[in-house]
Protein backbone atom coordinates (compact mmCIF):
# COMPACT_ATOMS: atom_id res chain seq x y z
CA UNK A 1 12.53 5.03 16.32
CA UNK A 2 11.61 1.66 14.81
CA UNK A 3 10.84 -1.46 16.88
CA UNK A 4 13.61 -3.99 17.46
CA UNK A 5 13.25 -7.69 16.57
CA UNK A 6 14.29 -10.57 18.90
CA UNK A 7 17.79 -10.63 17.35
CA UNK A 8 18.33 -6.96 18.25
CA UNK A 9 17.97 -5.55 14.74
CA UNK A 10 15.87 -2.48 14.13
CA UNK A 11 12.85 -3.27 11.94
CA UNK A 12 12.66 -1.02 8.90
CA UNK A 13 9.21 -0.60 7.30
CA UNK A 14 10.66 0.02 3.80
CA UNK A 15 13.07 -2.93 3.86
CA UNK A 16 12.38 -5.38 0.98
CA UNK A 17 9.98 -2.86 -0.64
CA UNK A 18 10.32 -1.15 -4.01
CA UNK A 19 11.76 2.33 -3.48
CA UNK A 20 13.04 5.19 -5.64
CA UNK A 21 16.39 6.93 -5.20
CA UNK A 22 15.75 10.62 -5.80
CA UNK A 23 19.39 11.51 -6.57
CA UNK A 24 19.99 8.85 -9.24
CA UNK A 25 16.33 8.51 -10.28
CA UNK A 26 16.76 4.75 -9.98
CA UNK A 27 14.20 2.31 -8.63
CA UNK A 28 14.61 -1.05 -6.96
CA UNK A 29 14.17 -3.11 -3.84
CA UNK A 30 15.66 -1.79 -0.60
CA UNK A 31 17.81 -4.63 0.75
CA UNK A 32 19.90 -2.92 3.45
CA UNK A 33 20.12 0.23 5.56
CA UNK A 34 23.49 1.50 6.76
CA UNK A 35 24.00 3.98 9.52
CA UNK A 36 27.43 5.27 8.69
CA UNK A 37 27.54 7.89 11.43
CA UNK A 38 27.23 5.23 14.14
CA UNK A 39 30.03 3.19 12.56
CA UNK A 40 32.32 6.24 12.36
CA UNK A 41 31.57 7.12 15.97
CA UNK A 42 32.53 3.58 17.03
CA UNK A 43 35.80 3.73 15.08
CA UNK A 44 36.67 7.12 16.57
CA UNK A 45 35.90 5.94 20.13
CA UNK A 46 37.93 2.76 19.65
CA UNK A 47 40.88 4.73 18.26
CA UNK A 48 40.82 7.16 21.19
CA UNK A 49 40.77 4.24 23.64
CA UNK A 50 43.77 2.61 21.95
CA UNK A 51 45.69 5.89 21.97
CA UNK A 52 44.84 6.42 25.66
CA UNK A 53 46.09 2.94 26.52
CA UNK A 54 49.29 3.50 24.54
CA UNK A 55 49.98 6.78 26.34
CA UNK A 56 49.21 5.26 29.76
CA UNK A 57 51.68 2.46 29.06
CA UNK A 58 54.59 4.78 28.25
CA UNK A 59 57.21 5.68 30.89
CA UNK A 60 56.06 9.33 30.73
CA UNK A 61 52.35 8.36 31.12
């Protein structure tokens, strides 16, 4: 796990460094890191909560 800065962002040692993408064989500066799994988990949890609220608000719920 990487340290967190005062704003709450995880510090990445390779950020703003020249890196190579193995799959495309391209090179360039790393400007962002995305953690897609965390975003998908948030969307799934939010959707489940909305569905649960909708069911609880129905006459049958």
